[in-house]
N, C-alpha and C. Protein backbone atom coordinates (compact mmCIF):
# COMPACT_ATOMS: atom_id res chain seq x y z
N MET A 1 245.49 -138.12 -103.32
CA MET A 1 245.55 -139.56 -103.41
C MET A 1 246.50 -139.94 -104.55
N GLN A 2 247.52 -140.67 -104.21
CA GLN A 2 248.43 -141.10 -105.25
C GLN A 2 248.38 -142.60 -105.35
N GLU A 3 248.73 -143.09 -106.52
CA GLU A 3 248.66 -144.51 -106.74
C GLU A 3 249.90 -145.01 -107.43
N SER A 4 250.32 -146.17 -107.05
CA SER A 4 251.34 -146.92 -107.77
C SER A 4 251.31 -148.31 -107.21
N SER A 5 251.95 -149.22 -107.89
CA SER A 5 251.96 -150.59 -107.40
C SER A 5 252.81 -150.71 -106.14
N GLN A 6 253.56 -149.66 -105.81
CA GLN A 6 254.43 -149.68 -104.64
C GLN A 6 253.74 -149.18 -103.37
N THR A 7 252.55 -148.60 -103.50
CA THR A 7 251.90 -148.04 -102.32
C THR A 7 250.77 -148.95 -101.85
N THR A 8 250.54 -148.93 -100.56
CA THR A 8 249.44 -149.71 -99.98
C THR A 8 248.12 -148.96 -100.18
N LEU A 9 247.05 -149.68 -99.99
CA LEU A 9 245.73 -149.04 -100.03
C LEU A 9 245.67 -147.95 -98.96
N TYR A 10 246.24 -148.20 -97.82
CA TYR A 10 246.31 -147.21 -96.74
C TYR A 10 246.94 -145.92 -97.24
N GLU A 11 248.06 -146.01 -97.93
CA GLU A 11 248.73 -144.83 -98.46
C GLU A 11 247.90 -144.16 -99.56
N GLN A 12 247.27 -144.97 -100.40
CA GLN A 12 246.45 -144.43 -101.48
C GLN A 12 245.24 -143.68 -100.94
N LEU A 13 244.75 -144.11 -99.77
CA LEU A 13 243.62 -143.43 -99.14
C LEU A 13 244.03 -142.12 -98.47
N GLY A 14 245.33 -141.93 -98.28
CA GLY A 14 245.82 -140.69 -97.69
C GLY A 14 246.39 -140.84 -96.29
N GLY A 15 246.52 -142.08 -95.81
CA GLY A 15 247.11 -142.31 -94.50
C GLY A 15 246.14 -142.09 -93.36
N GLN A 16 246.70 -142.03 -92.15
CA GLN A 16 245.87 -142.00 -90.94
C GLN A 16 244.97 -140.78 -90.85
N GLU A 17 245.48 -139.63 -91.22
CA GLU A 17 244.66 -138.41 -91.13
C GLU A 17 243.41 -138.51 -92.00
N ALA A 18 243.57 -139.03 -93.20
CA ALA A 18 242.43 -139.19 -94.11
C ALA A 18 241.46 -140.24 -93.57
N ILE A 19 241.99 -141.33 -93.05
CA ILE A 19 241.13 -142.38 -92.49
C ILE A 19 240.36 -141.86 -91.29
N ASP A 20 241.02 -141.08 -90.44
CA ASP A 20 240.32 -140.49 -89.29
C ASP A 20 239.15 -139.62 -89.74
N ALA A 21 239.35 -138.85 -90.78
CA ALA A 21 238.28 -137.98 -91.30
C ALA A 21 237.13 -138.81 -91.86
N VAL A 22 237.46 -139.87 -92.59
CA VAL A 22 236.43 -140.75 -93.14
C VAL A 22 235.64 -141.40 -92.00
N VAL A 23 236.32 -141.83 -90.95
CA VAL A 23 235.63 -142.47 -89.82
C VAL A 23 234.67 -141.49 -89.15
N GLU A 24 235.06 -140.24 -89.00
CA GLU A 24 234.14 -139.23 -88.44
C GLU A 24 232.89 -139.10 -89.30
N GLU A 25 233.07 -138.98 -90.59
CA GLU A 25 231.94 -138.86 -91.52
C GLU A 25 231.08 -140.12 -91.50
N PHE A 26 231.73 -141.26 -91.48
CA PHE A 26 231.06 -142.56 -91.46
C PHE A 26 230.12 -142.66 -90.25
N TYR A 27 230.64 -142.35 -89.06
CA TYR A 27 229.80 -142.47 -87.87
C TYR A 27 228.71 -141.40 -87.81
N ALA A 28 228.95 -140.25 -88.38
CA ALA A 28 227.87 -139.26 -88.46
C ALA A 28 226.71 -139.84 -89.27
N ARG A 29 227.04 -140.53 -90.35
CA ARG A 29 226.00 -141.14 -91.18
C ARG A 29 225.32 -142.32 -90.46
N VAL A 30 226.12 -143.17 -89.84
CA VAL A 30 225.59 -144.34 -89.13
C VAL A 30 224.65 -143.91 -88.01
N LEU A 31 225.06 -142.92 -87.22
CA LEU A 31 224.25 -142.50 -86.07
C LEU A 31 222.99 -141.74 -86.47
N ALA A 32 222.91 -141.33 -87.72
CA ALA A 32 221.70 -140.67 -88.23
C ALA A 32 220.74 -141.66 -88.89
N ASP A 33 221.13 -142.93 -88.95
CA ASP A 33 220.35 -143.95 -89.65
C ASP A 33 219.54 -144.77 -88.64
N GLU A 34 218.21 -144.68 -88.75
CA GLU A 34 217.31 -145.39 -87.84
C GLU A 34 217.54 -146.90 -87.84
N LYS A 35 218.00 -147.45 -88.96
CA LYS A 35 218.19 -148.91 -89.06
C LYS A 35 219.36 -149.41 -88.21
N VAL A 36 220.34 -148.56 -87.97
CA VAL A 36 221.55 -149.04 -87.31
C VAL A 36 221.99 -148.26 -86.08
N LYS A 37 221.44 -147.09 -85.87
CA LYS A 37 221.95 -146.24 -84.78
C LYS A 37 221.81 -146.88 -83.40
N ASP A 38 220.76 -147.68 -83.20
CA ASP A 38 220.56 -148.30 -81.90
C ASP A 38 221.64 -149.33 -81.55
N LEU A 39 222.36 -149.82 -82.55
CA LEU A 39 223.46 -150.75 -82.28
C LEU A 39 224.56 -150.08 -81.47
N PHE A 40 224.57 -148.75 -81.47
CA PHE A 40 225.63 -147.98 -80.80
C PHE A 40 225.14 -147.23 -79.57
N LYS A 41 223.91 -147.52 -79.12
CA LYS A 41 223.33 -146.74 -78.02
C LYS A 41 224.11 -146.84 -76.72
N ASN A 42 224.82 -147.93 -76.49
CA ASN A 42 225.60 -148.09 -75.26
C ASN A 42 227.10 -148.08 -75.54
N THR A 43 227.49 -147.40 -76.60
CA THR A 43 228.88 -147.41 -77.05
C THR A 43 229.56 -146.08 -76.76
N ASP A 44 230.76 -146.16 -76.25
CA ASP A 44 231.61 -144.97 -76.11
C ASP A 44 232.09 -144.64 -77.53
N MET A 45 231.48 -143.64 -78.14
CA MET A 45 231.74 -143.38 -79.56
C MET A 45 233.15 -142.87 -79.83
N GLU A 46 233.76 -142.15 -78.91
CA GLU A 46 235.13 -141.70 -79.14
C GLU A 46 236.07 -142.91 -79.19
N LYS A 47 235.86 -143.83 -78.28
CA LYS A 47 236.66 -145.06 -78.27
C LYS A 47 236.38 -145.88 -79.53
N GLN A 48 235.10 -145.96 -79.89
CA GLN A 48 234.70 -146.70 -81.09
C GLN A 48 235.37 -146.14 -82.34
N LYS A 49 235.40 -144.82 -82.46
CA LYS A 49 236.02 -144.17 -83.61
C LYS A 49 237.52 -144.47 -83.66
N ARG A 50 238.17 -144.44 -82.51
CA ARG A 50 239.61 -144.76 -82.47
C ARG A 50 239.86 -146.19 -82.90
N HIS A 51 239.04 -147.11 -82.38
CA HIS A 51 239.18 -148.53 -82.77
C HIS A 51 238.94 -148.72 -84.26
N GLN A 52 237.88 -148.08 -84.76
CA GLN A 52 237.54 -148.24 -86.18
C GLN A 52 238.65 -147.68 -87.07
N ALA A 53 239.16 -146.51 -86.73
CA ALA A 53 240.23 -145.91 -87.53
C ALA A 53 241.48 -146.78 -87.50
N ALA A 54 241.81 -147.32 -86.34
CA ALA A 54 242.98 -148.20 -86.23
C ALA A 54 242.76 -149.48 -87.03
N PHE A 55 241.54 -150.01 -86.96
CA PHE A 55 241.25 -151.23 -87.71
C PHE A 55 241.33 -150.99 -89.22
N ILE A 56 240.72 -149.92 -89.70
CA ILE A 56 240.76 -149.62 -91.13
C ILE A 56 242.19 -149.41 -91.59
N ALA A 57 242.98 -148.71 -90.79
CA ALA A 57 244.39 -148.49 -91.14
C ALA A 57 245.10 -149.83 -91.30
N TYR A 58 244.94 -150.69 -90.32
CA TYR A 58 245.59 -152.00 -90.38
C TYR A 58 245.08 -152.84 -91.56
N ALA A 59 243.76 -152.87 -91.74
CA ALA A 59 243.16 -153.69 -92.80
C ALA A 59 243.54 -153.23 -94.20
N THR A 60 243.95 -151.97 -94.33
CA THR A 60 244.32 -151.45 -95.66
C THR A 60 245.83 -151.39 -95.86
N GLY A 61 246.58 -152.00 -94.95
CA GLY A 61 248.02 -152.08 -95.13
C GLY A 61 248.83 -151.08 -94.35
N GLY A 62 248.18 -150.36 -93.45
CA GLY A 62 248.89 -149.39 -92.62
C GLY A 62 249.42 -150.03 -91.37
N PRO A 63 249.86 -149.21 -90.42
CA PRO A 63 250.43 -149.75 -89.19
C PRO A 63 249.39 -150.50 -88.36
N ASN A 64 249.84 -151.51 -87.65
CA ASN A 64 248.94 -152.30 -86.82
C ASN A 64 248.88 -151.70 -85.42
N ARG A 65 247.93 -150.78 -85.24
CA ARG A 65 247.70 -150.18 -83.93
C ARG A 65 246.38 -150.66 -83.34
N TYR A 66 245.73 -151.60 -84.03
CA TYR A 66 244.44 -152.10 -83.56
C TYR A 66 244.65 -153.02 -82.37
N ARG A 67 244.00 -152.71 -81.26
CA ARG A 67 244.14 -153.51 -80.06
C ARG A 67 242.77 -153.94 -79.53
N GLY A 68 241.80 -153.96 -80.40
CA GLY A 68 240.45 -154.33 -79.97
C GLY A 68 240.23 -155.83 -80.02
N ARG A 69 239.00 -156.20 -79.71
CA ARG A 69 238.61 -157.61 -79.78
C ARG A 69 238.56 -158.04 -81.24
N THR A 70 238.47 -159.35 -81.45
CA THR A 70 238.29 -159.83 -82.81
C THR A 70 236.96 -159.29 -83.33
N ILE A 71 236.84 -159.24 -84.63
CA ILE A 71 235.59 -158.75 -85.23
C ILE A 71 234.41 -159.59 -84.75
N LYS A 72 234.58 -160.88 -84.72
CA LYS A 72 233.50 -161.77 -84.28
C LYS A 72 233.10 -161.47 -82.83
N LYS A 73 234.06 -161.35 -81.94
CA LYS A 73 233.77 -161.07 -80.52
C LYS A 73 233.13 -159.69 -80.34
N ALA A 74 233.60 -158.71 -81.09
CA ALA A 74 233.09 -157.35 -80.95
C ALA A 74 231.62 -157.24 -81.36
N HIS A 75 231.17 -158.13 -82.25
CA HIS A 75 229.80 -158.04 -82.76
C HIS A 75 228.89 -159.15 -82.22
N GLU A 76 229.44 -160.04 -81.42
CA GLU A 76 228.70 -161.16 -80.86
C GLU A 76 227.54 -160.68 -79.99
N GLY A 77 226.38 -161.27 -80.21
CA GLY A 77 225.22 -160.96 -79.40
C GLY A 77 224.47 -159.70 -79.79
N LEU A 78 224.95 -159.00 -80.81
CA LEU A 78 224.27 -157.77 -81.22
C LEU A 78 223.08 -158.05 -82.15
N GLY A 79 223.02 -159.26 -82.69
CA GLY A 79 221.90 -159.61 -83.56
C GLY A 79 221.87 -158.83 -84.85
N ILE A 80 223.03 -158.51 -85.37
CA ILE A 80 223.11 -157.70 -86.59
C ILE A 80 222.57 -158.49 -87.77
N THR A 81 221.69 -157.84 -88.51
CA THR A 81 221.08 -158.46 -89.69
C THR A 81 221.88 -158.13 -90.95
N GLU A 82 221.61 -158.86 -92.00
CA GLU A 82 222.26 -158.56 -93.27
C GLU A 82 221.88 -157.17 -93.76
N GLU A 83 220.63 -156.77 -93.54
CA GLU A 83 220.18 -155.43 -93.94
C GLU A 83 221.00 -154.36 -93.22
N GLN A 84 221.23 -154.55 -91.93
CA GLN A 84 222.03 -153.58 -91.17
C GLN A 84 223.48 -153.57 -91.65
N PHE A 85 224.01 -154.74 -91.92
CA PHE A 85 225.38 -154.84 -92.42
C PHE A 85 225.52 -154.07 -93.73
N MET A 86 224.55 -154.26 -94.61
CA MET A 86 224.59 -153.57 -95.91
C MET A 86 224.42 -152.06 -95.74
N ALA A 87 223.60 -151.64 -94.79
CA ALA A 87 223.42 -150.21 -94.53
C ALA A 87 224.74 -149.59 -94.08
N VAL A 88 225.44 -150.28 -93.20
CA VAL A 88 226.73 -149.79 -92.71
C VAL A 88 227.74 -149.74 -93.86
N ALA A 89 227.75 -150.75 -94.71
CA ALA A 89 228.65 -150.76 -95.88
C ALA A 89 228.36 -149.56 -96.77
N THR A 90 227.09 -149.25 -96.96
CA THR A 90 226.71 -148.10 -97.78
C THR A 90 227.21 -146.81 -97.14
N HIS A 91 227.09 -146.70 -95.83
CA HIS A 91 227.58 -145.50 -95.14
C HIS A 91 229.10 -145.36 -95.28
N LEU A 92 229.80 -146.47 -95.22
CA LEU A 92 231.25 -146.42 -95.41
C LEU A 92 231.59 -145.97 -96.82
N SER A 93 230.92 -146.54 -97.79
CA SER A 93 231.13 -146.15 -99.19
C SER A 93 230.82 -144.67 -99.39
N ASP A 94 229.70 -144.22 -98.84
CA ASP A 94 229.31 -142.82 -98.99
C ASP A 94 230.28 -141.87 -98.28
N ALA A 95 230.80 -142.30 -97.13
CA ALA A 95 231.78 -141.47 -96.43
C ALA A 95 233.06 -141.33 -97.26
N LEU A 96 233.47 -142.40 -97.89
CA LEU A 96 234.65 -142.34 -98.77
C LEU A 96 234.37 -141.44 -99.98
N LYS A 97 233.18 -141.56 -100.56
CA LYS A 97 232.81 -140.71 -101.69
C LYS A 97 232.80 -139.24 -101.29
N HIS A 98 232.36 -138.96 -100.06
CA HIS A 98 232.32 -137.59 -99.54
C HIS A 98 233.69 -136.93 -99.65
N PHE A 99 234.74 -137.72 -99.51
CA PHE A 99 236.12 -137.21 -99.58
C PHE A 99 236.75 -137.43 -100.94
N ASN A 100 235.91 -137.69 -101.93
CA ASN A 100 236.36 -137.84 -103.32
C ASN A 100 237.37 -138.96 -103.53
N VAL A 101 237.23 -140.02 -102.77
CA VAL A 101 238.07 -141.19 -102.98
C VAL A 101 237.65 -141.84 -104.30
N PRO A 102 238.61 -142.19 -105.15
CA PRO A 102 238.27 -142.84 -106.43
C PRO A 102 237.48 -144.14 -106.21
N GLN A 103 236.54 -144.40 -107.10
CA GLN A 103 235.65 -145.55 -106.95
C GLN A 103 236.40 -146.87 -106.83
N HIS A 104 237.48 -147.05 -107.58
CA HIS A 104 238.19 -148.33 -107.51
C HIS A 104 238.83 -148.54 -106.13
N LEU A 105 239.18 -147.48 -105.42
CA LEU A 105 239.69 -147.61 -104.06
C LEU A 105 238.55 -147.89 -103.09
N ILE A 106 237.41 -147.23 -103.31
CA ILE A 106 236.22 -147.51 -102.50
C ILE A 106 235.86 -148.99 -102.64
N ASP A 107 235.90 -149.49 -103.86
CA ASP A 107 235.57 -150.90 -104.10
C ASP A 107 236.50 -151.82 -103.31
N ARG A 108 237.77 -151.48 -103.22
CA ARG A 108 238.72 -152.30 -102.47
C ARG A 108 238.42 -152.25 -100.98
N VAL A 109 238.08 -151.09 -100.46
CA VAL A 109 237.74 -150.98 -99.03
C VAL A 109 236.47 -151.79 -98.74
N ILE A 110 235.48 -151.66 -99.60
CA ILE A 110 234.22 -152.39 -99.38
C ILE A 110 234.44 -153.90 -99.51
N GLU A 111 235.33 -154.30 -100.37
CA GLU A 111 235.67 -155.72 -100.49
C GLU A 111 236.23 -156.25 -99.16
N ILE A 112 237.09 -155.48 -98.54
CA ILE A 112 237.63 -155.86 -97.22
C ILE A 112 236.50 -155.94 -96.21
N PHE A 113 235.65 -154.92 -96.19
CA PHE A 113 234.51 -154.88 -95.28
C PHE A 113 233.60 -156.10 -95.49
N ALA A 114 233.30 -156.40 -96.75
CA ALA A 114 232.41 -157.51 -97.08
C ALA A 114 232.98 -158.85 -96.63
N SER A 115 234.30 -158.96 -96.60
CA SER A 115 234.93 -160.22 -96.19
C SER A 115 234.68 -160.52 -94.71
N LEU A 116 234.21 -159.54 -93.96
CA LEU A 116 233.95 -159.71 -92.53
C LEU A 116 232.50 -160.08 -92.23
N LYS A 117 231.68 -160.13 -93.24
CA LYS A 117 230.24 -160.32 -93.07
C LYS A 117 229.89 -161.54 -92.20
N ASP A 118 230.52 -162.66 -92.43
CA ASP A 118 230.18 -163.86 -91.67
C ASP A 118 230.51 -163.73 -90.19
N ASP A 119 231.44 -162.84 -89.84
CA ASP A 119 231.79 -162.63 -88.44
C ASP A 119 230.93 -161.55 -87.77
N VAL A 120 230.12 -160.85 -88.56
CA VAL A 120 229.33 -159.74 -88.04
C VAL A 120 227.84 -160.06 -88.02
N VAL A 121 227.33 -160.61 -89.11
CA VAL A 121 225.89 -160.88 -89.26
C VAL A 121 225.52 -162.13 -88.47
N GLU A 122 224.49 -161.99 -87.64
CA GLU A 122 224.03 -163.13 -86.85
C GLU A 122 222.63 -163.60 -87.25
N GLN A 123 221.91 -162.81 -88.00
CA GLN A 123 220.53 -163.18 -88.35
C GLN A 123 220.36 -163.28 -89.84
């Protein structure tokens, strides 16, 4: 992980390969969590992982390969609670920590994630 004012968060995280690895770890954690795993019971997880990796890449300043629905549309009708949202945020943070991402970069990723809360939480 390298840092400078000239690099994007995407580059500082290690680019697409690193993000793909984080997404794999993230979903392993999410699917093992009783609080949130049922949200994905009818989900094609390989497709979900591709969408998530593309979204994270784009949201952190990488290439825009995300072709999914809006965040609001993708989560509409799922009845996601604030507790579930926070659990998922924790899994994302922990997945980043698993790969020794510096805390200040984790904080930036979680800040992006947190900015989506109003489009995800319905209860």
